[in-house]
N, C-alpha and C. Protein backbone atom coordinates (compact mmCIF):
# COMPACT_ATOMS: atom_id res chain seq x y z
N MET A 1 -53.12 -16.45 57.24
CA MET A 1 -51.79 -16.32 57.28
C MET A 1 -51.29 -17.48 57.87
N ALA A 2 -50.16 -17.71 57.39
CA ALA A 2 -49.40 -19.12 57.86
C ALA A 2 -48.18 -18.74 58.10
N ILE A 3 -47.48 -19.62 59.34
CA ILE A 3 -46.46 -19.12 59.83
C ILE A 3 -45.37 -20.86 59.38
N LYS A 4 -44.60 -20.80 58.89
CA LYS A 4 -43.59 -21.77 58.79
C LYS A 4 -42.39 -21.65 59.52
N ILE A 5 -41.95 -22.93 60.39
CA ILE A 5 -40.91 -22.78 61.19
C ILE A 5 -40.06 -23.85 60.40
N LYS A 6 -38.68 -23.49 60.18
CA LYS A 6 -37.92 -24.62 59.67
C LYS A 6 -36.93 -24.91 60.62
N ARG A 7 -36.85 -26.20 61.37
CA ARG A 7 -36.12 -26.61 62.61
C ARG A 7 -34.56 -26.82 61.50
N THR A 8 -33.80 -26.14 62.39
CA THR A 8 -32.29 -26.54 62.05
C THR A 8 -31.63 -27.16 63.12
N GLY A 9 -30.41 -27.56 62.68
CA GLY A 9 -29.53 -28.41 63.89
C GLY A 9 -29.36 -27.51 64.98
N ASP A 10 -29.33 -26.40 65.09
CA ASP A 10 -28.93 -25.34 65.83
C ASP A 10 -30.43 -24.82 66.64
N THR A 11 -31.38 -25.29 66.45
CA THR A 11 -32.65 -25.04 66.92
C THR A 11 -32.75 -25.54 68.23
N LYS A 12 -32.37 -26.92 68.45
CA LYS A 12 -32.61 -27.53 69.78
C LYS A 12 -31.40 -26.82 70.77
N SER A 13 -30.05 -26.82 70.22
CA SER A 13 -29.29 -26.26 71.05
C SER A 13 -29.15 -24.54 71.54
N ALA A 14 -30.02 -24.02 70.57
CA ALA A 14 -30.64 -22.75 71.06
C ALA A 14 -31.47 -22.76 72.23
N LEU A 15 -32.43 -23.27 71.95
CA LEU A 15 -33.57 -23.66 73.07
C LEU A 15 -33.02 -24.23 74.34
N ASN A 16 -31.97 -25.17 74.17
CA ASN A 16 -31.19 -25.68 75.51
C ASN A 16 -30.72 -24.65 76.27
N ASN A 17 -29.80 -23.77 75.31
CA ASN A 17 -29.13 -22.53 75.98
C ASN A 17 -30.07 -21.52 76.53
N GLY A 18 -31.16 -21.35 75.82
CA GLY A 18 -31.92 -20.50 76.48
C GLY A 18 -32.86 -20.78 77.86
N PHE A 19 -33.03 -22.17 77.93
CA PHE A 19 -33.70 -22.79 79.13
C PHE A 19 -32.63 -22.92 80.11
N LEU A 20 -31.43 -23.05 80.18
CA LEU A 20 -30.53 -23.01 80.96
C LEU A 20 -30.17 -21.55 81.47
N ARG A 21 -30.08 -20.60 80.69
CA ARG A 21 -29.98 -19.17 81.21
C ARG A 21 -31.27 -18.90 82.11
N VAL A 22 -32.50 -19.40 81.71
CA VAL A 22 -33.78 -19.27 82.24
C VAL A 22 -33.89 -19.78 83.79
N LYS A 23 -33.00 -20.78 83.81
CA LYS A 23 -32.92 -21.58 85.20
C LYS A 23 -31.70 -20.85 86.02
N GLN A 24 -30.91 -20.29 85.30
CA GLN A 24 -30.01 -19.44 86.25
C GLN A 24 -30.49 -18.30 86.50
N LYS A 25 -31.33 -17.58 86.05
CA LYS A 25 -32.03 -16.39 86.09
C LYS A 25 -33.17 -16.35 87.25
N LEU A 26 -33.73 -17.67 87.05
CA LEU A 26 -34.87 -17.94 87.76
C LEU A 26 -34.46 -18.09 89.55
N LEU A 27 -33.26 -18.58 89.42
CA LEU A 27 -32.84 -18.93 91.08
C LEU A 27 -32.26 -17.43 91.42
N GLU A 28 -31.98 -16.87 90.73
CA GLU A 28 -31.63 -15.56 91.22
C GLU A 28 -32.68 -14.78 91.57
N ASP A 29 -33.75 -14.65 90.66
CA ASP A 29 -35.18 -13.87 91.21
C ASP A 29 -35.65 -14.72 92.38
N VAL A 30 -35.67 -15.68 92.39
CA VAL A 30 -36.34 -16.66 93.66
C VAL A 30 -35.37 -16.05 94.88
N ASN A 31 -34.03 -15.90 94.90
CA ASN A 31 -33.28 -15.20 96.00
C ASN A 31 -33.66 -13.90 96.37
N ILE A 32 -33.78 -13.28 95.16
CA ILE A 32 -34.30 -11.88 95.48
C ILE A 32 -35.81 -12.12 96.13
N ILE A 33 -36.78 -12.66 95.76
CA ILE A 33 -38.11 -12.84 96.63
C ILE A 33 -37.82 -13.08 97.90
N LYS A 34 -37.07 -14.15 98.33
CA LYS A 34 -36.80 -14.44 99.55
C LYS A 34 -36.20 -13.29 100.32
N ASP A 35 -35.22 -12.95 100.07
CA ASP A 35 -34.60 -11.42 100.53
C ASP A 35 -35.67 -10.64 100.86
N LEU A 36 -36.29 -10.21 99.79
CA LEU A 36 -37.46 -9.05 100.06
C LEU A 36 -38.17 -9.91 100.96
N SER A 37 -38.85 -10.93 101.00
CA SER A 37 -39.64 -11.26 102.33
C SER A 37 -39.21 -11.26 103.56
N VAL A 38 -37.80 -11.95 103.61
CA VAL A 38 -37.42 -11.76 104.96
C VAL A 38 -37.22 -10.12 105.52
N ASN A 39 -36.92 -9.55 104.57
CA ASN A 39 -37.23 -7.59 105.05
C ASN A 39 -38.18 -7.58 105.69
N LEU A 40 -39.36 -8.10 105.25
CA LEU A 40 -40.77 -7.83 105.52
C LEU A 40 -41.23 -8.71 106.80
N THR A 41 -40.56 -9.64 107.10
CA THR A 41 -40.90 -10.53 107.95
C THR A 41 -40.77 -10.03 109.36
N PRO A 42 -41.88 -10.02 110.43
CA PRO A 42 -41.69 -9.57 111.59
C PRO A 42 -40.82 -10.10 112.38
N ILE A 43 -40.36 -9.23 113.22
CA ILE A 43 -39.21 -9.83 114.31
C ILE A 43 -39.48 -9.86 115.70
N ASP A 44 -39.43 -10.87 116.36
CA ASP A 44 -39.60 -11.14 117.83
C ASP A 44 -38.30 -11.80 118.26
N THR A 45 -38.21 -12.92 117.93
CA THR A 45 -36.87 -13.83 118.67
C THR A 45 -36.02 -13.82 117.19
N GLY A 46 -36.40 -13.41 115.83
CA GLY A 46 -35.39 -13.60 114.90
C GLY A 46 -35.68 -15.02 114.17
N LYS A 47 -36.10 -15.92 114.66
CA LYS A 47 -36.34 -17.27 114.33
C LYS A 47 -36.92 -17.41 113.18
N LEU A 48 -38.12 -16.65 112.96
CA LEU A 48 -39.00 -16.56 111.91
C LEU A 48 -38.11 -16.35 110.38
N ARG A 49 -37.46 -15.05 110.41
CA ARG A 49 -36.59 -14.71 109.44
C ARG A 49 -35.45 -15.59 109.19
N LYS A 50 -34.87 -16.47 110.15
CA LYS A 50 -33.64 -17.38 109.75
C LYS A 50 -34.19 -18.54 109.38
N SER A 51 -35.58 -18.63 109.46
CA SER A 51 -36.13 -20.35 108.84
C SER A 51 -36.40 -20.26 107.50
N ALA A 52 -36.10 -18.84 106.77
CA ALA A 52 -36.30 -18.83 105.24
C ALA A 52 -35.61 -19.84 104.59
N TYR A 53 -36.06 -20.34 103.72
CA TYR A 53 -35.43 -21.30 102.76
C TYR A 53 -35.96 -21.29 101.15
N ILE A 54 -34.98 -21.86 100.48
CA ILE A 54 -35.23 -22.03 99.08
C ILE A 54 -35.11 -23.42 98.58
N ARG A 55 -36.01 -24.33 98.38
CA ARG A 55 -35.80 -25.63 98.19
C ARG A 55 -36.10 -25.66 96.71
N LYS A 56 -35.12 -26.47 95.76
CA LYS A 56 -35.58 -26.83 94.39
C LYS A 56 -36.63 -28.27 94.53
N ASN A 57 -37.60 -28.00 93.80
CA ASN A 57 -38.78 -29.14 93.58
C ASN A 57 -38.71 -29.86 92.74
N THR A 58 -38.75 -29.03 91.46
CA THR A 58 -38.55 -29.82 90.00
C THR A 58 -37.64 -29.57 89.20
N ASP A 59 -36.80 -30.18 88.57
CA ASP A 59 -35.72 -29.65 87.65
C ASP A 59 -35.62 -30.85 86.56
N ASP A 60 -35.99 -30.59 85.41
CA ASP A 60 -36.08 -31.82 84.50
C ASP A 60 -35.78 -30.99 83.48
N ARG A 61 -36.02 -31.85 82.00
CA ARG A 61 -36.13 -30.65 80.88
C ARG A 61 -36.61 -29.76 80.44
N THR A 62 -37.95 -29.57 80.79
CA THR A 62 -39.04 -28.90 80.70
C THR A 62 -39.40 -27.89 81.78
N THR A 63 -39.41 -28.35 82.97
CA THR A 63 -39.81 -27.52 84.04
C THR A 63 -38.75 -27.45 85.08
N ILE A 64 -38.98 -26.17 85.78
CA ILE A 64 -37.91 -26.14 86.91
C ILE A 64 -38.87 -25.19 87.92
N VAL A 65 -39.06 -25.71 89.19
CA VAL A 65 -40.10 -25.43 90.39
C VAL A 65 -38.95 -25.09 91.51
N TYR A 66 -39.21 -23.81 92.15
CA TYR A 66 -38.52 -23.71 93.35
C TYR A 66 -39.64 -23.47 94.49
N ASP A 67 -39.35 -23.80 95.53
CA ASP A 67 -40.31 -23.33 96.65
C ASP A 67 -39.44 -22.59 97.60
N VAL A 68 -40.08 -21.33 97.91
CA VAL A 68 -39.92 -20.48 98.74
C VAL A 68 -40.65 -20.46 100.10
N GLY A 69 -40.16 -20.27 101.18
CA GLY A 69 -40.71 -20.47 102.15
C GLY A 69 -39.98 -20.39 103.93
N TYR A 70 -41.18 -20.77 104.76
CA TYR A 70 -40.08 -20.38 106.24
C TYR A 70 -40.70 -21.80 106.93
N SER A 71 -39.52 -22.34 107.54
CA SER A 71 -39.60 -23.30 108.37
C SER A 71 -40.06 -23.73 109.59
N ALA A 72 -40.27 -22.03 110.33
CA ALA A 72 -40.57 -22.32 111.63
C ALA A 72 -42.13 -22.55 111.68
N ASP A 73 -42.39 -23.32 112.57
CA ASP A 73 -43.67 -24.10 113.02
C ASP A 73 -44.70 -22.75 113.02
N TYR A 74 -44.42 -21.74 113.34
CA TYR A 74 -45.54 -20.64 113.49
C TYR A 74 -45.62 -19.61 112.25
N ALA A 75 -44.54 -19.93 111.24
CA ALA A 75 -44.62 -19.03 110.08
C ALA A 75 -45.84 -18.95 109.43
N LEU A 76 -46.95 -19.93 109.18
CA LEU A 76 -48.05 -19.78 108.63
C LEU A 76 -49.06 -18.82 109.59
N TYR A 77 -49.40 -18.95 110.78
CA TYR A 77 -49.62 -18.16 111.49
C TYR A 77 -49.61 -16.61 111.17
N VAL A 78 -48.31 -16.46 111.49
CA VAL A 78 -47.56 -15.04 111.39
C VAL A 78 -47.75 -14.33 110.03
N HIS A 79 -47.61 -15.37 108.86
CA HIS A 79 -47.97 -14.85 107.68
C HIS A 79 -49.63 -14.50 107.20
N GLU A 80 -50.49 -15.19 107.99
CA GLU A 80 -51.78 -14.98 107.97
C GLU A 80 -52.81 -13.86 108.66
N ASN A 81 -51.94 -13.60 109.96
CA ASN A 81 -52.57 -13.16 110.74
C ASN A 81 -52.91 -11.74 110.59
N LEU A 82 -53.66 -11.24 110.03
CA LEU A 82 -53.94 -9.76 109.70
C LEU A 82 -54.08 -8.66 110.85
N ASN A 83 -54.51 -9.36 111.96
CA ASN A 83 -54.96 -8.57 112.95
C ASN A 83 -53.89 -8.32 113.89
N ALA A 84 -52.59 -9.03 113.43
CA ALA A 84 -51.41 -8.67 114.59
C ALA A 84 -50.97 -7.45 114.28
N ASN A 85 -50.14 -6.67 115.42
CA ASN A 85 -49.49 -5.42 115.04
C ASN A 85 -48.01 -5.86 115.37
N HIS A 86 -47.46 -5.47 113.95
CA HIS A 86 -46.04 -5.79 114.16
C HIS A 86 -45.23 -4.46 114.20
N PRO A 87 -44.58 -4.03 115.11
CA PRO A 87 -43.48 -2.90 115.21
C PRO A 87 -42.71 -2.86 113.87
N ILE A 88 -41.99 -4.36 113.67
CA ILE A 88 -41.29 -4.73 112.62
C ILE A 88 -41.98 -5.70 111.73
N GLY A 89 -41.89 -5.33 110.38
CA GLY A 89 -42.19 -6.25 109.50
C GLY A 89 -44.00 -6.10 109.46
N GLN A 90 -44.29 -7.24 108.77
CA GLN A 90 -45.96 -7.32 108.37
C GLN A 90 -46.40 -8.67 107.75
N ALA A 91 -47.69 -8.82 108.11
CA ALA A 91 -48.36 -9.83 107.65
C ALA A 91 -48.14 -10.37 105.96
N LYS A 92 -48.47 -11.04 105.47
CA LYS A 92 -48.32 -11.47 104.18
C LYS A 92 -46.89 -11.09 103.35
N PHE A 93 -46.00 -11.29 104.51
CA PHE A 93 -44.65 -11.00 104.13
C PHE A 93 -43.97 -11.64 102.97
N LEU A 94 -44.33 -13.21 102.51
CA LEU A 94 -43.83 -13.93 101.49
C LEU A 94 -44.81 -13.22 100.11
N GLN A 95 -45.98 -13.21 100.27
CA GLN A 95 -47.02 -12.94 99.10
C GLN A 95 -46.53 -11.25 98.76
N THR A 96 -46.11 -10.54 99.37
CA THR A 96 -46.06 -9.07 99.21
C THR A 96 -44.59 -9.27 98.45
N ALA A 97 -43.96 -9.67 98.91
CA ALA A 97 -42.34 -9.96 98.35
C ALA A 97 -42.86 -10.20 96.67
N SER A 98 -43.35 -11.48 96.67
CA SER A 98 -43.62 -12.39 95.40
C SER A 98 -44.16 -11.26 94.51
N ARG A 99 -45.42 -10.75 94.98
CA ARG A 99 -46.24 -9.73 94.21
C ARG A 99 -44.94 -8.44 93.69
N LYS A 100 -44.63 -8.29 94.41
CA LYS A 100 -43.79 -7.06 94.40
C LYS A 100 -42.52 -7.22 92.98
N HIS A 101 -41.90 -8.32 93.14
CA HIS A 101 -40.75 -8.81 92.14
C HIS A 101 -41.65 -9.40 90.94
N ARG A 102 -42.77 -9.61 90.92
CA ARG A 102 -43.60 -10.62 89.75
C ARG A 102 -43.19 -9.97 88.33
N GLN A 103 -43.45 -8.81 88.14
CA GLN A 103 -43.10 -8.29 86.90
C GLN A 103 -41.73 -8.08 86.29
N GLN A 104 -40.82 -7.56 87.49
CA GLN A 104 -39.33 -7.60 86.94
C GLN A 104 -39.15 -9.31 86.80
N MET A 105 -39.41 -10.21 87.41
CA MET A 105 -39.21 -11.55 87.23
C MET A 105 -39.57 -11.84 85.78
N LYS A 106 -40.70 -11.59 85.37
CA LYS A 106 -41.21 -12.07 83.99
C LYS A 106 -40.48 -11.46 82.99
N LYS A 107 -39.78 -10.11 82.95
CA LYS A 107 -38.89 -9.66 82.15
C LYS A 107 -37.36 -10.35 82.17
N ASN A 108 -37.18 -10.58 83.51
CA ASN A 108 -36.07 -11.46 83.35
C ASN A 108 -35.69 -12.68 82.76
N ILE A 109 -36.95 -13.51 82.85
CA ILE A 109 -37.02 -14.71 82.28
C ILE A 109 -37.06 -14.24 80.70
N ILE A 110 -37.78 -13.66 80.36
CA ILE A 110 -37.69 -13.02 79.07
C ILE A 110 -36.47 -12.74 78.30
N ASN A 111 -35.97 -12.02 79.09
CA ASN A 111 -34.59 -11.66 78.69
C ASN A 111 -33.39 -12.69 78.65
N ALA A 112 -33.64 -13.64 79.81
CA ALA A 112 -32.59 -14.60 79.75
C ALA A 112 -32.95 -15.55 78.28
N MET A 113 -34.13 -16.04 78.65
CA MET A 113 -34.39 -16.74 77.16
C MET A 113 -34.21 -16.48 75.97
N THR A 114 -33.97 -15.01 75.73
CA THR A 114 -33.41 -14.21 74.33
C THR A 114 -32.16 -14.37 74.25
N GLN A 115 -31.37 -14.13 75.40
CA GLN A 115 -29.61 -14.16 75.32
C GLN A 115 -29.21 -15.50 75.01
N GLY A 116 -29.81 -16.49 75.84
CA GLY A 116 -29.66 -17.65 75.79
C GLY A 116 -29.61 -18.30 74.29
N ILE A 117 -30.93 -18.10 73.86
CA ILE A 117 -31.03 -18.56 72.30
C ILE A 117 -30.14 -17.64 71.28
N ARG A 118 -29.78 -16.51 71.51
CA ARG A 118 -28.69 -15.81 70.60
C ARG A 118 -27.18 -16.42 70.84
N GLN A 119 -26.72 -16.79 72.04
CA GLN A 119 -25.65 -17.30 72.51
C GLN A 119 -25.63 -18.57 72.02
N LYS A 120 -24.09 -18.79 71.84
CA LYS A 120 -23.80 -20.29 71.26
C LYS A 120 -23.56 -21.05 72.66
N LYS A 121 -22.86 -20.49 73.77
CA LYS A 121 -22.68 -21.20 74.82
C LYS A 121 -23.15 -20.39 76.18
N VAL A 122 -23.53 -21.30 77.14
CA VAL A 122 -23.93 -20.97 78.53
C VAL A 122 -22.99 -21.38 79.31
N LYS A 123 -22.07 -20.38 80.03
CA LYS A 123 -21.39 -20.85 81.07
C LYS A 123 -21.84 -21.46 82.25
């Protein structure tokens, strides 16, 4: 079986629109993951929850990468300490949030690309 794809003048534009849509949706999804993780983060003073951040790591024509994390110096310890008893929150708060939203994020990216390719312009 052979598949032939003919490139038209609109192909590049459609793919660019799709990628722009994916970039927009990805940032929304990253914010959802951050918010989910903050809600799972243990509270003592509130400093750890307030230290949550999103940072754009890479953004070029083919790749977009966001970092989601916590800047408090003890964030890694709290995240990885499975033996701690937290009245509010839990260990692995960022990992849990990421895994919880993973499947929806995949669907969102596919939908964003599809919509972007079908549309002529992205706002």
